[in-house]
């Protein structure tokens, strides 16, 4: 059925066949889940790790088990030389990049009165500076290919904080990623590069497992989440595939909260 004044619609396509995707910090946790989801949708993957080489190889083996190609690369986002080396490996192996997920991030939970300049530099060097220059390097490879998709991992902490959760620097960097997403989206739209962000709430990952094992803390999280639970792998998998696929071609500069409604309260 046609639409008045318009051509027949093109139905959404979530397949990523033939695409080369890189997920930073994908040896475990959210990064691993997103890498597996992109591979399931058809993409070949670059799995990066900083210290967890064995875990990265396990992730890569699972991806190869899906029939996809996978390159594992060491990447320390606090070191721009490491980034240059990693991107050179990616370009040599795949000839470029179509999808980048800036997932890698760090945190040190301290009261703001106790944060040191070293703490501040450590968190911002990975969460902001690392994501910025990783996006820049990826965009330079995407432009000759006619465009691409960049997905930043922000956080519910970009929009709200709770009493007694001491994450001032982390929250600042994640809020910064939300605005960086908008700025790069506006600047790179002419290159057909979509830049969007995901803002997860609480998920059970290696980084949150210890806190979520505290029954009081976990109950507080559940009570402040309208959906009444913490996130699971499938909750973020669909979102990252959507933003990486052609189904989201007219969406850019946006941040999608994957938090069970946590940020609406």
C-alpha atoms as a PDB file:
ATOM      1  CA  UNK A   1       0.000   0.000   0.000  1.00  0.00           C
ATOM      2  CA  UNK A   2       1.455   3.359  -1.016  1.00  0.00           C
ATOM      3  CA  UNK A   3       1.586   6.544   1.039  1.00  0.00           C
ATOM      4  CA  UNK A   4       0.278   9.795  -0.424  1.00  0.00           C
ATOM      5  CA  UNK A   5       3.187  11.786  -1.815  1.00  0.00           C
ATOM      6  CA  UNK A   6       5.700   9.205  -0.657  1.00  0.00           C
ATOM      7  CA  UNK A   7       7.268   6.068  -1.978  1.00  0.00           C
ATOM      8  CA  UNK A   8       6.447   2.751  -0.354  1.00  0.00           C
ATOM      9  CA  UNK A   9       8.185   2.352   3.021  1.00  0.00           C
ATOM     10  CA  UNK A  10      11.450   0.526   3.445  1.00  0.00           C
ATOM     11  CA  UNK A  11      10.927  -1.909   6.265  1.00  0.00           C
ATOM     12  CA  UNK A  12      13.552  -1.831   9.030  1.00  0.00           C
ATOM     13  CA  UNK A  13      16.587  -4.043   8.659  1.00  0.00           C
ATOM     14  CA  UNK A  14      18.470  -5.052  11.775  1.00  0.00           C
ATOM     15  CA  UNK A  15      21.039  -7.238  10.017  1.00  0.00           C
ATOM     16  CA  UNK A  16      24.712  -6.267  10.224  1.00  0.00           C
ATOM     17  CA  UNK A  17      26.129  -8.674   7.666  1.00  0.00           C
ATOM     18  CA  UNK A  18      29.471  -7.523   6.276  1.00  0.00           C
ATOM     19  CA  UNK A  19      29.945  -4.842   8.940  1.00  0.00           C
ATOM     20  CA  UNK A  20      33.089  -4.504  11.068  1.00  0.00           C
ATOM     21  CA  UNK A  21      32.279  -3.534  14.652  1.00  0.00           C
ATOM     22  CA  UNK A  22      34.538  -2.642  17.574  1.00  0.00           C
ATOM     23  CA  UNK A  23      33.377  -2.779  21.186  1.00  0.00           C
ATOM     24  CA  UNK A  24      35.866  -1.393  23.676  1.00  0.00           C
ATOM     25  CA  UNK A  25      36.177  -3.221  26.972  1.00  0.00           C
ATOM     26  CA  UNK A  26      34.349  -6.259  25.606  1.00  0.00           C
ATOM     27  CA  UNK A  27      36.069  -9.063  27.472  1.00  0.00           C
ATOM     28  CA  UNK A  28      33.219  -9.236  29.998  1.00  0.00           C
ATOM     29  CA  UNK A  29      30.073  -7.579  31.306  1.00  0.00           C
ATOM     30  CA  UNK A  30      28.039  -5.172  29.187  1.00  0.00           C
ATOM     31  CA  UNK A  31      30.763  -4.995  26.561  1.00  0.00           C
ATOM     32  CA  UNK A  32      30.774  -8.748  26.062  1.00  0.00           C
ATOM     33  CA  UNK A  33      26.995  -8.897  25.808  1.00  0.00           C
ATOM     34  CA  UNK A  34      26.933  -6.130  23.209  1.00  0.00           C
ATOM     35  CA  UNK A  35      29.739  -7.718  21.185  1.00  0.00           C
ATOM     36  CA  UNK A  36      27.875 -11.041  21.139  1.00  0.00           C
ATOM     37  CA  UNK A  37      24.654  -9.299  20.090  1.00  0.00           C
ATOM     38  CA  UNK A  38      26.358  -7.512  17.197  1.00  0.00           C
ATOM     39  CA  UNK A  39      27.947 -10.778  16.080  1.00  0.00           C
ATOM     40  CA  UNK A  40      24.584 -12.555  16.260  1.00  0.00           C
ATOM     41  CA  UNK A  41      23.200  -9.841  13.960  1.00  0.00           C
ATOM     42  CA  UNK A  42      25.951 -10.582  11.445  1.00  0.00           C
ATOM     43  CA  UNK A  43      28.865  -8.278  12.248  1.00  0.00           C
ATOM     44  CA  UNK A  44      32.519  -9.222  12.493  1.00  0.00           C
ATOM     45  CA  UNK A  45      34.030  -8.005  15.735  1.00  0.00           C
ATOM     46  CA  UNK A  46      37.003  -6.347  17.330  1.00  0.00           C
ATOM     47  CA  UNK A  47      37.095  -7.301  21.003  1.00  0.00           C
ATOM     48  CA  UNK A  48      39.345  -5.068  23.089  1.00  0.00           C
ATOM     49  CA  UNK A  49      40.721  -5.605  26.552  1.00  0.00           C
ATOM     50  CA  UNK A  50      43.150  -3.828  28.863  1.00  0.00           C
ATOM     51  CA  UNK A  51      44.179  -6.562  31.298  1.00  0.00           C
ATOM     52  CA  UNK A  52      41.723  -9.456  30.853  1.00  0.00           C
ATOM     53  CA  UNK A  53      43.297 -11.188  27.851  1.00  0.00           C
ATOM     54  CA  UNK A  54      41.978 -14.668  28.683  1.00  0.00           C
ATOM     55  CA  UNK A  55      38.433 -13.360  29.108  1.00  0.00           C
ATOM     56  CA  UNK A  56      38.733 -11.498  25.804  1.00  0.00           C
ATOM     57  CA  UNK A  57      39.809 -14.695  24.045  1.00  0.00           C
ATOM     58  CA  UNK A  58      36.806 -16.487  25.566  1.00  0.00           C
ATOM     59  CA  UNK A  59      34.499 -13.809  24.164  1.00  0.00           C
ATOM     60  CA  UNK A  60      36.240 -14.063  20.792  1.00  0.00           C
ATOM     61  CA  UNK A  61      35.818 -17.841  20.755  1.00  0.00           C
ATOM     62  CA  UNK A  62      32.073 -17.456  21.323  1.00  0.00           C
ATOM     63  CA  UNK A  63      31.884 -14.971  18.441  1.00  0.00           C
ATOM     64  CA  UNK A  64      33.816 -17.250  16.127  1.00  0.00           C
ATOM     65  CA  UNK A  65      31.450 -20.028  17.154  1.00  0.00           C
ATOM     66  CA  UNK A  66      28.680 -17.968  15.533  1.00  0.00           C
ATOM     67  CA  UNK A  67      30.602 -18.064  12.246  1.00  0.00           C
ATOM     68  CA  UNK A  68      31.916 -14.500  12.550  1.00  0.00           C
ATOM     69  CA  UNK A  69      35.461 -13.229  12.328  1.00  0.00           C
ATOM     70  CA  UNK A  70      36.892 -11.749  15.506  1.00  0.00           C
ATOM     71  CA  UNK A  71      40.080  -9.823  16.246  1.00  0.00           C
ATOM     72  CA  UNK A  72      41.241  -9.366  19.844  1.00  0.00           C
ATOM     73  CA  UNK A  73      43.260  -6.228  20.536  1.00  0.00           C
ATOM     74  CA  UNK A  74      44.799  -4.830  23.697  1.00  0.00           C
ATOM     75  CA  UNK A  75      43.632  -1.266  24.273  1.00  0.00           C
ATOM     76  CA  UNK A  76      44.382   1.013  27.202  1.00  0.00           C
ATOM     77  CA  UNK A  77      42.252   4.082  26.603  1.00  0.00           C
ATOM     78  CA  UNK A  78      44.256   6.128  29.100  1.00  0.00           C
ATOM     79  CA  UNK A  79      47.218   5.822  26.704  1.00  0.00           C
ATOM     80  CA  UNK A  80      46.760   7.372  23.260  1.00  0.00           C
ATOM     81  CA  UNK A  81      49.743   5.437  21.912  1.00  0.00           C
ATOM     82  CA  UNK A  82      47.872   2.253  22.784  1.00  0.00           C
ATOM     83  CA  UNK A  83      44.854   3.612  20.916  1.00  0.00           C
ATOM     84  CA  UNK A  84      46.921   4.385  17.820  1.00  0.00           C
ATOM     85  CA  UNK A  85      48.366   0.863  17.815  1.00  0.00           C
ATOM     86  CA  UNK A  86      44.953  -0.735  18.295  1.00  0.00           C
ATOM     87  CA  UNK A  87      43.372   1.233  15.468  1.00  0.00           C
ATOM     88  CA  UNK A  88      46.267   0.377  13.164  1.00  0.00           C
ATOM     89  CA  UNK A  89      45.592  -3.326  13.859  1.00  0.00           C
ATOM     90  CA  UNK A  90      41.895  -2.843  13.130  1.00  0.00           C
ATOM     91  CA  UNK A  91      42.560  -1.067   9.840  1.00  0.00           C
ATOM     92  CA  UNK A  92      45.090  -3.707   8.804  1.00  0.00           C
ATOM     93  CA  UNK A  93      42.699  -6.559   9.606  1.00  0.00           C
ATOM     94  CA  UNK A  94      39.351  -5.161   8.376  1.00  0.00           C
ATOM     95  CA  UNK A  95      40.384  -2.269   6.169  1.00  0.00           C
ATOM     96  CA  UNK A  96      38.265   0.079   8.257  1.00  0.00           C
ATOM     97  CA  UNK A  97      35.395   0.198  10.700  1.00  0.00           C
ATOM     98  CA  UNK A  98      31.606   0.522  10.406  1.00  0.00           C
ATOM     99  CA  UNK A  99      30.494   0.422  14.049  1.00  0.00           C
ATOM    100  CA  UNK A 100      32.164   1.624  17.250  1.00  0.00           C
ATOM    101  CA  UNK A 101      30.774   1.051  20.728  1.00  0.00           C
ATOM    102  CA  UNK A 102      32.625   3.159  23.307  1.00  0.00           C
ATOM    103  CA  UNK A 103      31.911   0.856  26.214  1.00  0.00           C
ATOM    104  CA  UNK A 104      35.145   0.847  28.235  1.00  0.00           C
ATOM    105  CA  UNK A 105      34.920   2.886  31.410  1.00  0.00           C
ATOM    106  CA  UNK A 106      36.408   3.108  34.883  1.00  0.00           C
ATOM    107  CA  UNK A 107      35.384   4.409  38.284  1.00  0.00           C
ATOM    108  CA  UNK A 108      36.759   4.980  41.757  1.00  0.00           C
ATOM    109  CA  UNK A 109      34.043   5.451  44.341  1.00  0.00           C
ATOM    110  CA  UNK A 110      35.195   8.099  46.760  1.00  0.00           C
ATOM    111  CA  UNK A 111      33.646  10.950  48.668  1.00  0.00           C
ATOM    112  CA  UNK A 112      34.220  14.148  46.699  1.00  0.00           C
ATOM    113  CA  UNK A 113      36.306  15.489  49.593  1.00  0.00           C
ATOM    114  CA  UNK A 114      38.686  12.548  49.195  1.00  0.00           C
ATOM    115  CA  UNK A 115      39.109  12.505  45.389  1.00  0.00           C
ATOM    116  CA  UNK A 116      42.722  13.132  44.376  1.00  0.00           C
ATOM    117  CA  UNK A 117      43.978  14.686  41.127  1.00  0.00           C
ATOM    118  CA  UNK A 118      45.246  11.210  40.236  1.00  0.00           C
ATOM    119  CA  UNK A 119      41.760   9.743  40.720  1.00  0.00           C
ATOM    120  CA  UNK A 120      40.264  12.536  38.616  1.00  0.00           C
ATOM    121  CA  UNK A 121      42.773  12.108  35.793  1.00  0.00           C
ATOM    122  CA  UNK A 122      42.384   8.313  35.777  1.00  0.00           C
ATOM    123  CA  UNK A 123      38.600   8.406  35.392  1.00  0.00           C
ATOM    124  CA  UNK A 124      38.438  11.271  32.903  1.00  0.00           C
ATOM    125  CA  UNK A 125      41.320   9.939  30.784  1.00  0.00           C
ATOM    126  CA  UNK A 126      39.358   6.770  29.998  1.00  0.00           C
ATOM    127  CA  UNK A 127      35.720   7.827  30.187  1.00  0.00           C
ATOM    128  CA  UNK A 128      36.039  11.129  28.311  1.00  0.00           C
ATOM    129  CA  UNK A 129      39.422  11.602  26.642  1.00  0.00           C
ATOM    130  CA  UNK A 130      39.635   7.950  25.609  1.00  0.00           C
ATOM    131  CA  UNK A 131      36.106   7.885  24.199  1.00  0.00           C
ATOM    132  CA  UNK A 132      36.715  11.177  22.361  1.00  0.00           C
ATOM    133  CA  UNK A 133      39.850  10.101  20.556  1.00  0.00           C
ATOM    134  CA  UNK A 134      38.545   6.591  19.936  1.00  0.00           C
ATOM    135  CA  UNK A 135      35.551   8.188  18.201  1.00  0.00           C
ATOM    136  CA  UNK A 136      37.852  10.453  16.206  1.00  0.00           C
ATOM    137  CA  UNK A 137      39.985   7.529  15.030  1.00  0.00           C
ATOM    138  CA  UNK A 138      36.904   5.478  14.147  1.00  0.00           C
ATOM    139  CA  UNK A 139      35.312   8.361  12.225  1.00  0.00           C
ATOM    140  CA  UNK A 140      38.432   8.731  10.089  1.00  0.00           C
ATOM    141  CA  UNK A 141      37.982   5.094   9.053  1.00  0.00           C
ATOM    142  CA  UNK A 142      34.209   5.379   8.594  1.00  0.00           C
ATOM    143  CA  UNK A 143      34.210   8.390   6.281  1.00  0.00           C
ATOM    144  CA  UNK A 144      35.867   6.605   3.317  1.00  0.00           C
ATOM    145  CA  UNK A 145      33.318   3.783   3.754  1.00  0.00           C
ATOM    146  CA  UNK A 146      30.386   6.175   3.411  1.00  0.00           C
ATOM    147  CA  UNK A 147      29.455   6.500   7.068  1.00  0.00           C
ATOM    148  CA  UNK A 148      29.055   4.481  10.217  1.00  0.00           C
ATOM    149  CA  UNK A 149      27.590   4.175  13.681  1.00  0.00           C
ATOM    150  CA  UNK A 150      29.145   5.329  16.953  1.00  0.00           C
ATOM    151  CA  UNK A 151      27.453   4.326  20.198  1.00  0.00           C
ATOM    152  CA  UNK A 152      28.662   5.793  23.478  1.00  0.00           C
ATOM    153  CA  UNK A 153      27.993   4.146  26.826  1.00  0.00           C
ATOM    154  CA  UNK A 154      26.729   6.837  29.148  1.00  0.00           C
ATOM    155  CA  UNK A 155      24.887   5.882  32.345  1.00  0.00           C
ATOM    156  CA  UNK A 156      21.786   6.624  34.352  1.00  0.00           C
ATOM    157  CA  UNK A 157      24.303   8.504  36.514  1.00  0.00           C
ATOM    158  CA  UNK A 158      24.471  11.106  33.741  1.00  0.00           C
ATOM    159  CA  UNK A 159      20.961  12.187  34.739  1.00  0.00           C
ATOM    160  CA  UNK A 160      20.601  11.407  38.437  1.00  0.00           C
ATOM    161  CA  UNK A 161      22.539  10.489  41.542  1.00  0.00           C
ATOM    162  CA  UNK A 162      21.366   8.981  44.819  1.00  0.00           C
ATOM    163  CA  UNK A 163      22.356   9.953  48.322  1.00  0.00           C
ATOM    164  CA  UNK A 164      25.368   8.020  49.681  1.00  0.00           C
ATOM    165  CA  UNK A 165      26.501   6.874  46.218  1.00  0.00           C
ATOM    166  CA  UNK A 166      29.786   8.746  45.872  1.00  0.00           C
ATOM    167  CA  UNK A 167      30.412   8.923  42.111  1.00  0.00           C
ATOM    168  CA  UNK A 168      30.908  12.636  41.426  1.00  0.00           C
ATOM    169  CA  UNK A 169      33.703  12.283  38.859  1.00  0.00           C
ATOM    170  CA  UNK A 170      32.137   9.247  37.174  1.00  0.00           C
ATOM    171  CA  UNK A 171      28.754  10.982  36.941  1.00  0.00           C
ATOM    172  CA  UNK A 172      30.417  14.053  35.473  1.00  0.00           C
ATOM    173  CA  UNK A 173      32.131  12.014  32.752  1.00  0.00           C
ATOM    174  CA  UNK A 174      28.941  10.198  31.829  1.00  0.00           C
ATOM    175  CA  UNK A 175      27.018  13.460  31.593  1.00  0.00           C
ATOM    176  CA  UNK A 176      29.853  14.724  29.417  1.00  0.00           C
ATOM    177  CA  UNK A 177      29.403  11.743  27.094  1.00  0.00           C
ATOM    178  CA  UNK A 178      25.752  12.698  26.619  1.00  0.00           C
ATOM    179  CA  UNK A 179      26.753  16.149  25.358  1.00  0.00           C
ATOM    180  CA  UNK A 180      29.679  14.756  23.356  1.00  0.00           C
ATOM    181  CA  UNK A 181      27.169  12.475  21.635  1.00  0.00           C
ATOM    182  CA  UNK A 182      25.126  15.498  20.586  1.00  0.00           C
ATOM    183  CA  UNK A 183      28.156  17.520  19.474  1.00  0.00           C
ATOM    184  CA  UNK A 184      29.649  14.755  17.336  1.00  0.00           C
ATOM    185  CA  UNK A 185      26.233  13.883  15.907  1.00  0.00           C
ATOM    186  CA  UNK A 186      25.774  17.448  14.708  1.00  0.00           C
ATOM    187  CA  UNK A 187      29.289  17.690  13.289  1.00  0.00           C
ATOM    188  CA  UNK A 188      29.486  14.304  11.590  1.00  0.00           C
ATOM    189  CA  UNK A 189      25.984  14.057  10.112  1.00  0.00           C
ATOM    190  CA  UNK A 190      27.405  15.352   6.811  1.00  0.00           C
ATOM    191  CA  UNK A 191      29.611  12.246   6.775  1.00  0.00           C
ATOM    192  CA  UNK A 192      26.591   9.989   7.430  1.00  0.00           C
ATOM    193  CA  UNK A 193      27.936   8.974  10.827  1.00  0.00           C
ATOM    194  CA  UNK A 194      25.220   8.468  13.424  1.00  0.00           C
ATOM    195  CA  UNK A 195      26.330   9.127  16.999  1.00  0.00           C
ATOM    196  CA  UNK A 196      24.033   7.970  19.777  1.00  0.00           C
ATOM    197  CA  UNK A 197      24.367   6.790  23.358  1.00  0.00           C
ATOM    198  CA  UNK A 198      23.000   4.155  25.687  1.00  0.00           C
ATOM    199  CA  UNK A 199      22.559   4.974  29.367  1.00  0.00           C
ATOM    200  CA  UNK A 200      22.279   1.751  31.383  1.00  0.00           C
ATOM    201  CA  UNK A 201      20.914   1.610  34.891  1.00  0.00           C
ATOM    202  CA  UNK A 202      22.025  -1.174  37.215  1.00  0.00           C
ATOM    203  CA  UNK A 203      23.000  -4.433  35.536  1.00  0.00           C
ATOM    204  CA  UNK A 204      24.582  -7.453  37.194  1.00  0.00           C
ATOM    205  CA  UNK A 205      28.125  -7.291  35.820  1.00  0.00           C
ATOM    206  CA  UNK A 206      31.574  -7.987  37.302  1.00  0.00           C
ATOM    207  CA  UNK A 207      31.826  -4.288  38.220  1.00  0.00           C
ATOM    208  CA  UNK A 208      28.525  -4.188  40.134  1.00  0.00           C
ATOM    209  CA  UNK A 209      28.242  -7.774  41.392  1.00  0.00           C
ATOM    210  CA  UNK A 210      29.769  -7.119  44.814  1.00  0.00           C
ATOM    211  CA  UNK A 211      27.491  -4.161  45.574  1.00  0.00           C
ATOM    212  CA  UNK A 212      24.414  -5.959  44.291  1.00  0.00           C
ATOM    213  CA  UNK A 213      25.174  -8.913  46.562  1.00  0.00           C
ATOM    214  CA  UNK A 214      24.427  -6.604  49.493  1.00  0.00           C
ATOM    215  CA  UNK A 215      20.701  -7.298  50.044  1.00  0.00           C
ATOM    216  CA  UNK A 216      20.016  -3.799  51.377  1.00  0.00           C
ATOM    217  CA  UNK A 217      21.728  -2.107  48.425  1.00  0.00           C
ATOM    218  CA  UNK A 218      20.041  -4.406  45.926  1.00  0.00           C
ATOM    219  CA  UNK A 219      16.626  -3.759  47.442  1.00  0.00           C
ATOM    220  CA  UNK A 220      17.229  -0.005  47.250  1.00  0.00           C
ATOM    221  CA  UNK A 221      18.036  -0.379  43.553  1.00  0.00           C
ATOM    222  CA  UNK A 222      14.948  -2.488  42.924  1.00  0.00           C
ATOM    223  CA  UNK A 223      12.734  -0.090  44.884  1.00  0.00           C
ATOM    224  CA  UNK A 224      13.956   2.886  42.819  1.00  0.00           C
ATOM    225  CA  UNK A 225      13.414   1.069  39.510  1.00  0.00           C
ATOM    226  CA  UNK A 226       9.786   1.029  38.269  1.00  0.00           C
ATOM    227  CA  UNK A 227      10.374  -2.280  36.474  1.00  0.00           C
ATOM    228  CA  UNK A 228      11.366  -3.761  39.832  1.00  0.00           C
ATOM    229  CA  UNK A 229      14.600  -5.537  38.877  1.00  0.00           C
ATOM    230  CA  UNK A 230      18.179  -5.013  37.693  1.00  0.00           C
ATOM    231  CA  UNK A 231      19.120  -5.251  34.032  1.00  0.00           C
ATOM    232  CA  UNK A 232      19.934  -8.472  32.224  1.00  0.00           C
ATOM    233  CA  UNK A 233      21.959  -9.203  29.077  1.00  0.00           C
ATOM    234  CA  UNK A 234      18.989  -9.169  26.719  1.00  0.00           C
ATOM    235  CA  UNK A 235      17.938  -5.733  27.902  1.00  0.00           C
ATOM    236  CA  UNK A 236      20.942  -4.043  26.318  1.00  0.00           C
ATOM    237  CA  UNK A 237      21.522  -6.427  23.416  1.00  0.00           C
ATOM    238  CA  UNK A 238      18.474  -5.321  21.439  1.00  0.00           C
ATOM    239  CA  UNK A 239      19.223  -1.650  21.995  1.00  0.00           C
ATOM    240  CA  UNK A 240      22.801  -1.819  20.724  1.00  0.00           C
ATOM    241  CA  UNK A 241      21.801  -3.796  17.618  1.00  0.00           C
ATOM    242  CA  UNK A 242      19.087  -1.245  16.875  1.00  0.00           C
ATOM    243  CA  UNK A 243      21.465   1.724  17.092  1.00  0.00           C
ATOM    244  CA  UNK A 244      24.112  -0.132  15.063  1.00  0.00           C
ATOM    245  CA  UNK A 245      21.701  -1.087  12.279  1.00  0.00           C
ATOM    246  CA  UNK A 246      20.149   0.803   9.374  1.00  0.00           C
ATOM    247  CA  UNK A 247      16.859   0.788  11.301  1.00  0.00           C
ATOM    248  CA  UNK A 248      18.185   3.800  13.246  1.00  0.00           C
ATOM    249  CA  UNK A 249      19.538   5.785  10.286  1.00  0.00           C
ATOM    250  CA  UNK A 250      17.378   8.842  11.057  1.00  0.00           C
ATOM    251  CA  UNK A 251      18.296   8.896  14.748  1.00  0.00           C
ATOM    252  CA  UNK A 252      21.390  10.752  15.911  1.00  0.00           C
ATOM    253  CA  UNK A 253      22.521  12.693  18.963  1.00  0.00           C
ATOM    254  CA  UNK A 254      20.152  10.790  21.234  1.00  0.00           C
ATOM    255  CA  UNK A 255      20.649   8.956  24.518  1.00  0.00           C
ATOM    256  CA  UNK A 256      18.481   5.917  25.185  1.00  0.00           C
ATOM    257  CA  UNK A 257      18.124   4.989  28.848  1.00  0.00           C
ATOM    258  CA  UNK A 258      18.154   1.222  29.457  1.00  0.00           C
ATOM    259  CA  UNK A 259      17.241   1.372  33.114  1.00  0.00           C
ATOM    260  CA  UNK A 260      13.811  -0.095  33.785  1.00  0.00           C
ATOM    261  CA  UNK A 261      12.506   3.429  34.323  1.00  0.00           C
ATOM    262  CA  UNK A 262      15.062   4.373  36.986  1.00  0.00           C
ATOM    263  CA  UNK A 263      15.624   7.839  35.542  1.00  0.00           C
ATOM    264  CA  UNK A 264      11.929   8.753  35.481  1.00  0.00           C
ATOM    265  CA  UNK A 265      11.661   8.864  39.269  1.00  0.00           C
END
